[in-house]
Amino acid sequence: MTSKGKMIAALVCGMLGCLCFGSGDWLMAYGDASGAENAFVMLTNGAADIEMWRQNLAMAVAFPGIILYGIALFSVQNFITDEKHRKIYHYLNAFGLTPWLALHLFYIMILALFGQLCAGGHDIAEAQTICTELYNSLSWVVIASEALMLPVFAYWFWLQITKKTVFPRAFAFTNVLLIFAVLKGVSMFITDAAFSLAFRNGLMSESMIIWFAIMVVYELNIRKADR
């Protein structure tokens, strides 16, 4: 397989990883979006009815997902033209991959507890109070995880805007964080429902698959014209 073929295969692995994580995001949250007005936003009436097998599956698919993400994200460093910056990206990426699983597990455990409390006879308001307090007491995990996850994408933006990758400078504006911001804005106009709740929960996976797809298209078309 040519180097171009290997790169495309790696990026496709990343897209498959997005499907793994994204399906988990939807499995853990899809349901009636009402009932969480005074609680952590994911503790909805629908979440109270989610069966444990869905939470188990949502966690299980994250393991192949993180492997597939790693294949793609480490391969992306080959687009960087300078060895020094390639190494910096490499280590930022290594530090950033670990919290993906941690954050996924964090939300699933809270939702699983919520579902089990409701299934065990607890009043939904009482279950929301317990799980909201748990979330609030450990919310630093979200901040710490994002502090490790996001720098590699900010650094990628800087590399592209300063023309330190093979991509045209304008490709900096296809950055996954910018795609996320656009999708986040779109989600604000979607009426609260099962779809909108799951869509918002999976925003990062949905942004990543678009980002990987853009690079696949570039490899298939634009770079071919330059060679």
C-alpha atoms as a PDB file:
ATOM      1  CA  MET A   1       0.000   0.000   0.000  1.00  0.00           C
ATOM      2  CA  THR A   2       1.315   3.460  -0.865  1.00  0.00           C
ATOM      3  CA  SER A   3       1.916   6.092   1.826  1.00  0.00           C
ATOM      4  CA  LYS A   4      -1.149   7.919   0.526  1.00  0.00           C
ATOM      5  CA  GLY A   5      -3.201   4.733   0.810  1.00  0.00           C
ATOM      6  CA  LYS A   6      -1.970   4.169   4.376  1.00  0.00           C
ATOM      7  CA  MET A   7      -2.909   7.717   5.335  1.00  0.00           C
ATOM      8  CA  ILE A   8      -6.413   7.352   3.907  1.00  0.00           C
ATOM      9  CA  ALA A   9      -6.805   4.004   5.698  1.00  0.00           C
ATOM     10  CA  ALA A  10      -5.698   5.626   8.987  1.00  0.00           C
ATOM     11  CA  LEU A  11      -8.163   8.492   8.556  1.00  0.00           C
ATOM     12  CA  VAL A  12     -10.956   6.018   7.796  1.00  0.00           C
ATOM     13  CA  CYS A  13     -10.031   4.273  11.050  1.00  0.00           C
ATOM     14  CA  GLY A  14     -10.559   7.620  12.754  1.00  0.00           C
ATOM     15  CA  MET A  15     -13.997   7.925  11.181  1.00  0.00           C
ATOM     16  CA  LEU A  16     -14.858   4.416  12.410  1.00  0.00           C
ATOM     17  CA  GLY A  17     -13.676   5.493  15.859  1.00  0.00           C
ATOM     18  CA  CYS A  18     -16.095   8.418  15.648  1.00  0.00           C
ATOM     19  CA  LEU A  19     -18.906   5.982  14.912  1.00  0.00           C
ATOM     20  CA  CYS A  20     -17.920   3.936  17.974  1.00  0.00           C
ATOM     21  CA  PHE A  21     -17.782   6.905  20.338  1.00  0.00           C
ATOM     22  CA  GLY A  22     -20.747   8.604  18.685  1.00  0.00           C
ATOM     23  CA  SER A  23     -22.944   5.524  18.936  1.00  0.00           C
ATOM     24  CA  GLY A  24     -22.020   5.321  22.614  1.00  0.00           C
ATOM     25  CA  ASP A  25     -22.950   8.980  23.067  1.00  0.00           C
ATOM     26  CA  TRP A  26     -26.345   8.330  21.509  1.00  0.00           C
ATOM     27  CA  LEU A  27     -26.940   5.063  23.372  1.00  0.00           C
ATOM     28  CA  MET A  28     -26.350   6.649  26.772  1.00  0.00           C
ATOM     29  CA  ALA A  29     -28.584   9.681  26.209  1.00  0.00           C
ATOM     30  CA  TYR A  30     -31.269   9.069  23.570  1.00  0.00           C
ATOM     31  CA  GLY A  31     -34.704   9.304  25.156  1.00  0.00           C
ATOM     32  CA  ASP A  32     -37.394  11.676  26.389  1.00  0.00           C
ATOM     33  CA  ALA A  33     -35.573  14.994  26.923  1.00  0.00           C
ATOM     34  CA  SER A  34     -38.044  16.405  29.445  1.00  0.00           C
ATOM     35  CA  GLY A  35     -37.840  16.461  33.212  1.00  0.00           C
ATOM     36  CA  ALA A  36     -34.330  17.789  33.894  1.00  0.00           C
ATOM     37  CA  GLU A  37     -35.183  21.463  34.417  1.00  0.00           C
ATOM     38  CA  ASN A  38     -33.706  21.585  37.932  1.00  0.00           C
ATOM     39  CA  ALA A  39     -31.015  18.938  37.585  1.00  0.00           C
ATOM     40  CA  PHE A  40     -27.931  18.008  35.572  1.00  0.00           C
ATOM     41  CA  VAL A  41     -29.170  18.360  31.990  1.00  0.00           C
ATOM     42  CA  MET A  42     -28.693  14.668  31.089  1.00  0.00           C
ATOM     43  CA  LEU A  43     -30.855  13.393  33.968  1.00  0.00           C
ATOM     44  CA  THR A  44     -34.039  13.366  31.920  1.00  0.00           C
ATOM     45  CA  ASN A  45     -37.189  11.278  32.051  1.00  0.00           C
ATOM     46  CA  GLY A  46     -35.788   9.317  29.132  1.00  0.00           C
ATOM     47  CA  ALA A  47     -32.493   8.639  30.923  1.00  0.00           C
ATOM     48  CA  ALA A  48     -34.463   7.197  33.833  1.00  0.00           C
ATOM     49  CA  ASP A  49     -35.794   4.493  31.495  1.00  0.00           C
ATOM     50  CA  ILE A  50     -32.511   3.599  29.760  1.00  0.00           C
ATOM     51  CA  GLU A  51     -31.723  -0.052  30.414  1.00  0.00           C
ATOM     52  CA  MET A  52     -28.323  -1.094  31.740  1.00  0.00           C
ATOM     53  CA  TRP A  53     -27.406  -3.003  28.595  1.00  0.00           C
ATOM     54  CA  ARG A  54     -27.353   0.278  26.684  1.00  0.00           C
ATOM     55  CA  GLN A  55     -24.908   1.830  29.139  1.00  0.00           C
ATOM     56  CA  ASN A  56     -22.752  -1.305  29.012  1.00  0.00           C
ATOM     57  CA  LEU A  57     -22.699  -1.199  25.224  1.00  0.00           C
ATOM     58  CA  ALA A  58     -22.022   2.557  25.227  1.00  0.00           C
ATOM     59  CA  MET A  59     -18.906   1.925  27.320  1.00  0.00           C
ATOM     60  CA  ALA A  60     -17.814  -1.185  25.429  1.00  0.00           C
ATOM     61  CA  VAL A  61     -17.723   0.514  22.016  1.00  0.00           C
ATOM     62  CA  ALA A  62     -15.428   3.223  23.414  1.00  0.00           C
ATOM     63  CA  PHE A  63     -12.524   0.773  23.699  1.00  0.00           C
ATOM     64  CA  PRO A  64     -12.210  -0.020  19.979  1.00  0.00           C
ATOM     65  CA  GLY A  65     -13.135   3.622  19.419  1.00  0.00           C
ATOM     66  CA  ILE A  66     -10.090   4.971  21.261  1.00  0.00           C
ATOM     67  CA  ILE A  67      -7.787   2.581  19.383  1.00  0.00           C
ATOM     68  CA  LEU A  68      -9.200   3.724  16.050  1.00  0.00           C
ATOM     69  CA  TYR A  69      -8.922   7.368  17.142  1.00  0.00           C
ATOM     70  CA  GLY A  70      -5.298   6.796  18.088  1.00  0.00           C
ATOM     71  CA  ILE A  71      -4.455   5.284  14.700  1.00  0.00           C
ATOM     72  CA  ALA A  72      -5.849   8.337  12.926  1.00  0.00           C
ATOM     73  CA  LEU A  73      -4.651  11.065  15.264  1.00  0.00           C
ATOM     74  CA  PHE A  74      -1.074   9.786  15.398  1.00  0.00           C
ATOM     75  CA  SER A  75      -1.070   9.431  11.601  1.00  0.00           C
ATOM     76  CA  VAL A  76      -2.149  13.067  11.234  1.00  0.00           C
ATOM     77  CA  GLN A  77       1.288  14.097  12.527  1.00  0.00           C
ATOM     78  CA  ASN A  78       2.699  13.020   9.156  1.00  0.00           C
ATOM     79  CA  PHE A  79       1.016  16.090   7.650  1.00  0.00           C
ATOM     80  CA  ILE A  80       3.339  18.317   9.735  1.00  0.00           C
ATOM     81  CA  THR A  81       6.363  19.477   7.780  1.00  0.00           C
ATOM     82  CA  ASP A  82       8.778  20.153  10.668  1.00  0.00           C
ATOM     83  CA  GLU A  83      10.157  17.414  12.923  1.00  0.00           C
ATOM     84  CA  LYS A  84      10.165  19.601  16.051  1.00  0.00           C
ATOM     85  CA  HIS A  85       6.486  20.490  15.698  1.00  0.00           C
ATOM     86  CA  ARG A  86       5.680  16.907  14.784  1.00  0.00           C
ATOM     87  CA  LYS A  87       7.091  15.754  18.136  1.00  0.00           C
ATOM     88  CA  ILE A  88       5.170  18.419  20.062  1.00  0.00           C
ATOM     89  CA  TYR A  89       1.949  17.343  18.340  1.00  0.00           C
ATOM     90  CA  HIS A  90       2.785  13.693  19.075  1.00  0.00           C
ATOM     91  CA  TYR A  91       3.085  14.236  22.830  1.00  0.00           C
ATOM     92  CA  LEU A  92       0.078  16.549  23.065  1.00  0.00           C
ATOM     93  CA  ASN A  93      -1.917  13.874  21.277  1.00  0.00           C
ATOM     94  CA  ALA A  94      -0.652  11.138  23.630  1.00  0.00           C
ATOM     95  CA  PHE A  95      -1.660  13.202  26.674  1.00  0.00           C
ATOM     96  CA  GLY A  96      -5.023  14.057  25.110  1.00  0.00           C
ATOM     97  CA  LEU A  97      -6.169  10.539  24.227  1.00  0.00           C
ATOM     98  CA  THR A  98      -6.425   9.209  27.794  1.00  0.00           C
ATOM     99  CA  PRO A  99      -9.252  11.550  28.947  1.00  0.00           C
ATOM    100  CA  TRP A 100     -11.515  10.433  26.085  1.00  0.00           C
ATOM    101  CA  LEU A 101     -12.212   7.169  27.919  1.00  0.00           C
ATOM    102  CA  ALA A 102     -12.218   8.811  31.352  1.00  0.00           C
ATOM    103  CA  LEU A 103     -14.822  11.386  30.346  1.00  0.00           C
ATOM    104  CA  HIS A 104     -16.942   8.783  28.581  1.00  0.00           C
ATOM    105  CA  LEU A 105     -16.890   6.578  31.693  1.00  0.00           C
ATOM    106  CA  PHE A 106     -17.646   9.552  33.961  1.00  0.00           C
ATOM    107  CA  TYR A 107     -20.927  10.358  32.222  1.00  0.00           C
ATOM    108  CA  ILE A 108     -21.944   6.727  31.761  1.00  0.00           C
ATOM    109  CA  MET A 109     -21.464   5.921  35.450  1.00  0.00           C
ATOM    110  CA  ILE A 110     -23.666   8.845  36.497  1.00  0.00           C
ATOM    111  CA  LEU A 111     -26.365   7.924  33.983  1.00  0.00           C
ATOM    112  CA  ALA A 112     -26.145   4.241  34.923  1.00  0.00           C
ATOM    113  CA  LEU A 113     -26.560   5.125  38.603  1.00  0.00           C
ATOM    114  CA  PHE A 114     -29.513   7.356  37.748  1.00  0.00           C
ATOM    115  CA  GLY A 115     -31.209   4.602  35.782  1.00  0.00           C
ATOM    116  CA  GLN A 116     -30.617   2.022  38.507  1.00  0.00           C
ATOM    117  CA  LEU A 117     -31.958   4.332  41.217  1.00  0.00           C
ATOM    118  CA  CYS A 118     -35.128   4.946  39.227  1.00  0.00           C
ATOM    119  CA  ALA A 119     -35.510   1.259  38.372  1.00  0.00           C
ATOM    120  CA  GLY A 120     -35.032   0.419  42.053  1.00  0.00           C
ATOM    121  CA  GLY A 121     -38.019   2.458  43.125  1.00  0.00           C
ATOM    122  CA  HIS A 122     -36.482   5.830  43.938  1.00  0.00           C
ATOM    123  CA  ASP A 123     -38.514   8.891  43.026  1.00  0.00           C
ATOM    124  CA  ILE A 124     -37.065  10.509  39.890  1.00  0.00           C
ATOM    125  CA  ALA A 125     -36.567  13.839  41.695  1.00  0.00           C
ATOM    126  CA  GLU A 126     -34.656  12.108  44.477  1.00  0.00           C
ATOM    127  CA  ALA A 127     -32.512  10.231  41.950  1.00  0.00           C
ATOM    128  CA  GLN A 128     -31.816  13.507  40.129  1.00  0.00           C
ATOM    129  CA  THR A 129     -30.705  15.146  43.374  1.00  0.00           C
ATOM    130  CA  ILE A 130     -28.309  12.290  44.205  1.00  0.00           C
ATOM    131  CA  CYS A 131     -26.787  12.168  40.721  1.00  0.00           C
ATOM    132  CA  THR A 132     -26.601  15.940  40.336  1.00  0.00           C
ATOM    133  CA  GLU A 133     -24.685  16.172  43.617  1.00  0.00           C
ATOM    134  CA  LEU A 134     -22.364  13.423  42.416  1.00  0.00           C
ATOM    135  CA  TYR A 135     -21.803  15.278  39.155  1.00  0.00           C
ATOM    136  CA  ASN A 136     -21.179  18.578  40.923  1.00  0.00           C
ATOM    137  CA  SER A 137     -18.691  17.042  43.355  1.00  0.00           C
ATOM    138  CA  LEU A 138     -16.690  15.469  40.513  1.00  0.00           C
ATOM    139  CA  SER A 139     -17.210  18.118  37.825  1.00  0.00           C
ATOM    140  CA  TRP A 140     -13.502  18.923  38.049  1.00  0.00           C
ATOM    141  CA  VAL A 141     -12.982  15.692  36.072  1.00  0.00           C
ATOM    142  CA  VAL A 142     -14.673  17.329  33.074  1.00  0.00           C
ATOM    143  CA  ILE A 143     -12.450  20.420  33.322  1.00  0.00           C
ATOM    144  CA  ALA A 144      -9.267  18.366  33.786  1.00  0.00           C
ATOM    145  CA  SER A 145     -10.151  16.072  30.885  1.00  0.00           C
ATOM    146  CA  GLU A 146     -10.881  18.938  28.515  1.00  0.00           C
ATOM    147  CA  ALA A 147      -7.668  20.667  29.606  1.00  0.00           C
ATOM    148  CA  LEU A 148      -5.777  17.607  28.347  1.00  0.00           C
ATOM    149  CA  MET A 149      -7.947  16.842  25.299  1.00  0.00           C
ATOM    150  CA  LEU A 150      -8.187  20.240  23.633  1.00  0.00           C
ATOM    151  CA  PRO A 151      -4.599  21.613  23.426  1.00  0.00           C
ATOM    152  CA  VAL A 152      -3.634  19.256  20.581  1.00  0.00           C
ATOM    153  CA  PHE A 153      -6.451  20.660  18.429  1.00  0.00           C
ATOM    154  CA  ALA A 154      -5.563  24.251  19.312  1.00  0.00           C
ATOM    155  CA  TYR A 155      -1.955  23.453  18.430  1.00  0.00           C
ATOM    156  CA  TRP A 156      -3.094  21.930  15.134  1.00  0.00           C
ATOM    157  CA  PHE A 157      -4.897  25.170  14.343  1.00  0.00           C
ATOM    158  CA  TRP A 158      -1.697  27.133  15.018  1.00  0.00           C
ATOM    159  CA  LEU A 159       0.333  24.760  12.837  1.00  0.00           C
ATOM    160  CA  GLN A 160      -2.073  25.178   9.941  1.00  0.00           C
ATOM    161  CA  ILE A 161      -2.523  28.944  10.227  1.00  0.00           C
ATOM    162  CA  THR A 162       1.281  29.369  10.268  1.00  0.00           C
ATOM    163  CA  LYS A 163       1.675  27.004   7.262  1.00  0.00           C
ATOM    164  CA  LYS A 164       3.575  24.287   9.098  1.00  0.00           C
ATOM    165  CA  THR A 165       1.516  21.482   7.571  1.00  0.00           C
ATOM    166  CA  VAL A 166       1.016  20.294   4.007  1.00  0.00           C
ATOM    167  CA  PHE A 167      -2.431  21.876   3.976  1.00  0.00           C
ATOM    168  CA  PRO A 168      -3.235  25.348   2.623  1.00  0.00           C
ATOM    169  CA  ARG A 169      -3.471  27.969   5.379  1.00  0.00           C
ATOM    170  CA  ALA A 170      -7.240  28.224   4.898  1.00  0.00           C
ATOM    171  CA  PHE A 171      -7.583  24.653   6.175  1.00  0.00           C
ATOM    172  CA  ALA A 172      -6.969  25.989   9.680  1.00  0.00           C
ATOM    173  CA  PHE A 173     -10.641  26.944   9.627  1.00  0.00           C
ATOM    174  CA  THR A 174     -11.655  23.306   9.219  1.00  0.00           C
ATOM    175  CA  ASN A 175     -10.297  22.689  12.725  1.00  0.00           C
ATOM    176  CA  VAL A 176     -12.368  20.269  14.781  1.00  0.00           C
ATOM    177  CA  LEU A 177     -12.912  22.904  17.486  1.00  0.00           C
ATOM    178  CA  LEU A 178     -14.402  25.293  14.945  1.00  0.00           C
ATOM    179  CA  ILE A 179     -16.573  22.526  13.492  1.00  0.00           C
ATOM    180  CA  PHE A 180     -17.725  21.787  17.045  1.00  0.00           C
ATOM    181  CA  ALA A 181     -18.602  25.461  17.584  1.00  0.00           C
ATOM    182  CA  VAL A 182     -20.677  25.525  14.382  1.00  0.00           C
ATOM    183  CA  LEU A 183     -22.527  22.313  15.273  1.00  0.00           C
ATOM    184  CA  LYS A 184     -23.070  23.604  18.799  1.00  0.00           C
ATOM    185  CA  GLY A 185     -24.676  26.718  17.332  1.00  0.00           C
ATOM    186  CA  VAL A 186     -26.879  24.606  15.065  1.00  0.00           C
ATOM    187  CA  SER A 187     -27.942  22.429  18.008  1.00  0.00           C
ATOM    188  CA  MET A 188     -29.290  25.492  19.830  1.00  0.00           C
ATOM    189  CA  PHE A 189     -31.954  25.837  17.147  1.00  0.00           C
ATOM    190  CA  ILE A 190     -33.108  22.214  17.420  1.00  0.00           C
ATOM    191  CA  THR A 191     -36.186  21.699  19.556  1.00  0.00           C
ATOM    192  CA  ASP A 192     -35.496  19.758  22.743  1.00  0.00           C
ATOM    193  CA  ALA A 193     -36.270  16.127  22.060  1.00  0.00           C
ATOM    194  CA  ALA A 194     -34.583  12.715  22.117  1.00  0.00           C
ATOM    195  CA  PHE A 195     -32.704  13.531  18.892  1.00  0.00           C
ATOM    196  CA  SER A 196     -31.424  16.919  20.052  1.00  0.00           C
ATOM    197  CA  LEU A 197     -30.247  15.551  23.412  1.00  0.00           C
ATOM    198  CA  ALA A 198     -28.294  12.711  21.798  1.00  0.00           C
ATOM    199  CA  PHE A 199     -27.000  15.005  19.039  1.00  0.00           C
ATOM    200  CA  ARG A 200     -25.598  17.447  21.612  1.00  0.00           C
ATOM    201  CA  ASN A 201     -24.088  14.627  23.638  1.00  0.00           C
ATOM    202  CA  GLY A 202     -22.270  13.362  20.548  1.00  0.00           C
ATOM    203  CA  LEU A 203     -21.092  16.736  19.232  1.00  0.00           C
ATOM    204  CA  MET A 204     -17.383  15.987  19.580  1.00  0.00           C
ATOM    205  CA  SER A 205     -17.657  12.674  17.730  1.00  0.00           C
ATOM    206  CA  GLU A 206     -19.781  14.311  15.041  1.00  0.00           C
ATOM    207  CA  SER A 207     -17.224  17.108  14.684  1.00  0.00           C
ATOM    208  CA  MET A 208     -14.338  14.660  14.509  1.00  0.00           C
ATOM    209  CA  ILE A 209     -15.885  12.578  11.733  1.00  0.00           C
ATOM    210  CA  ILE A 210     -16.345  15.718   9.628  1.00  0.00           C
ATOM    211  CA  TRP A 211     -12.738  16.727  10.311  1.00  0.00           C
ATOM    212  CA  PHE A 212     -11.380  13.312   9.299  1.00  0.00           C
ATOM    213  CA  ALA A 213     -13.618  13.294   6.213  1.00  0.00           C
ATOM    214  CA  ILE A 214     -12.219  16.659   5.079  1.00  0.00           C
ATOM    215  CA  MET A 215      -8.682  15.275   5.263  1.00  0.00           C
ATOM    216  CA  VAL A 216      -9.709  12.132   3.362  1.00  0.00           C
ATOM    217  CA  VAL A 217     -11.160  14.275   0.571  1.00  0.00           C
ATOM    218  CA  TYR A 218      -7.954  16.328   0.509  1.00  0.00           C
ATOM    219  CA  GLU A 219      -5.837  13.198   0.196  1.00  0.00           C
ATOM    220  CA  LEU A 220      -8.034  11.786  -2.559  1.00  0.00           C
ATOM    221  CA  ASN A 221      -8.236  14.953  -4.639  1.00  0.00           C
ATOM    222  CA  ILE A 222      -6.237  18.079  -3.886  1.00  0.00           C
ATOM    223  CA  ARG A 223      -2.867  16.546  -3.053  1.00  0.00           C
ATOM    224  CA  LYS A 224      -3.081  14.364  -6.156  1.00  0.00           C
ATOM    225  CA  ALA A 225      -3.182  17.515  -8.276  1.00  0.00           C
ATOM    226  CA  ASP A 226      -0.037  18.814  -6.544  1.00  0.00           C
ATOM    227  CA  ARG A 227       2.064  15.741  -7.284  1.00  0.00           C
END
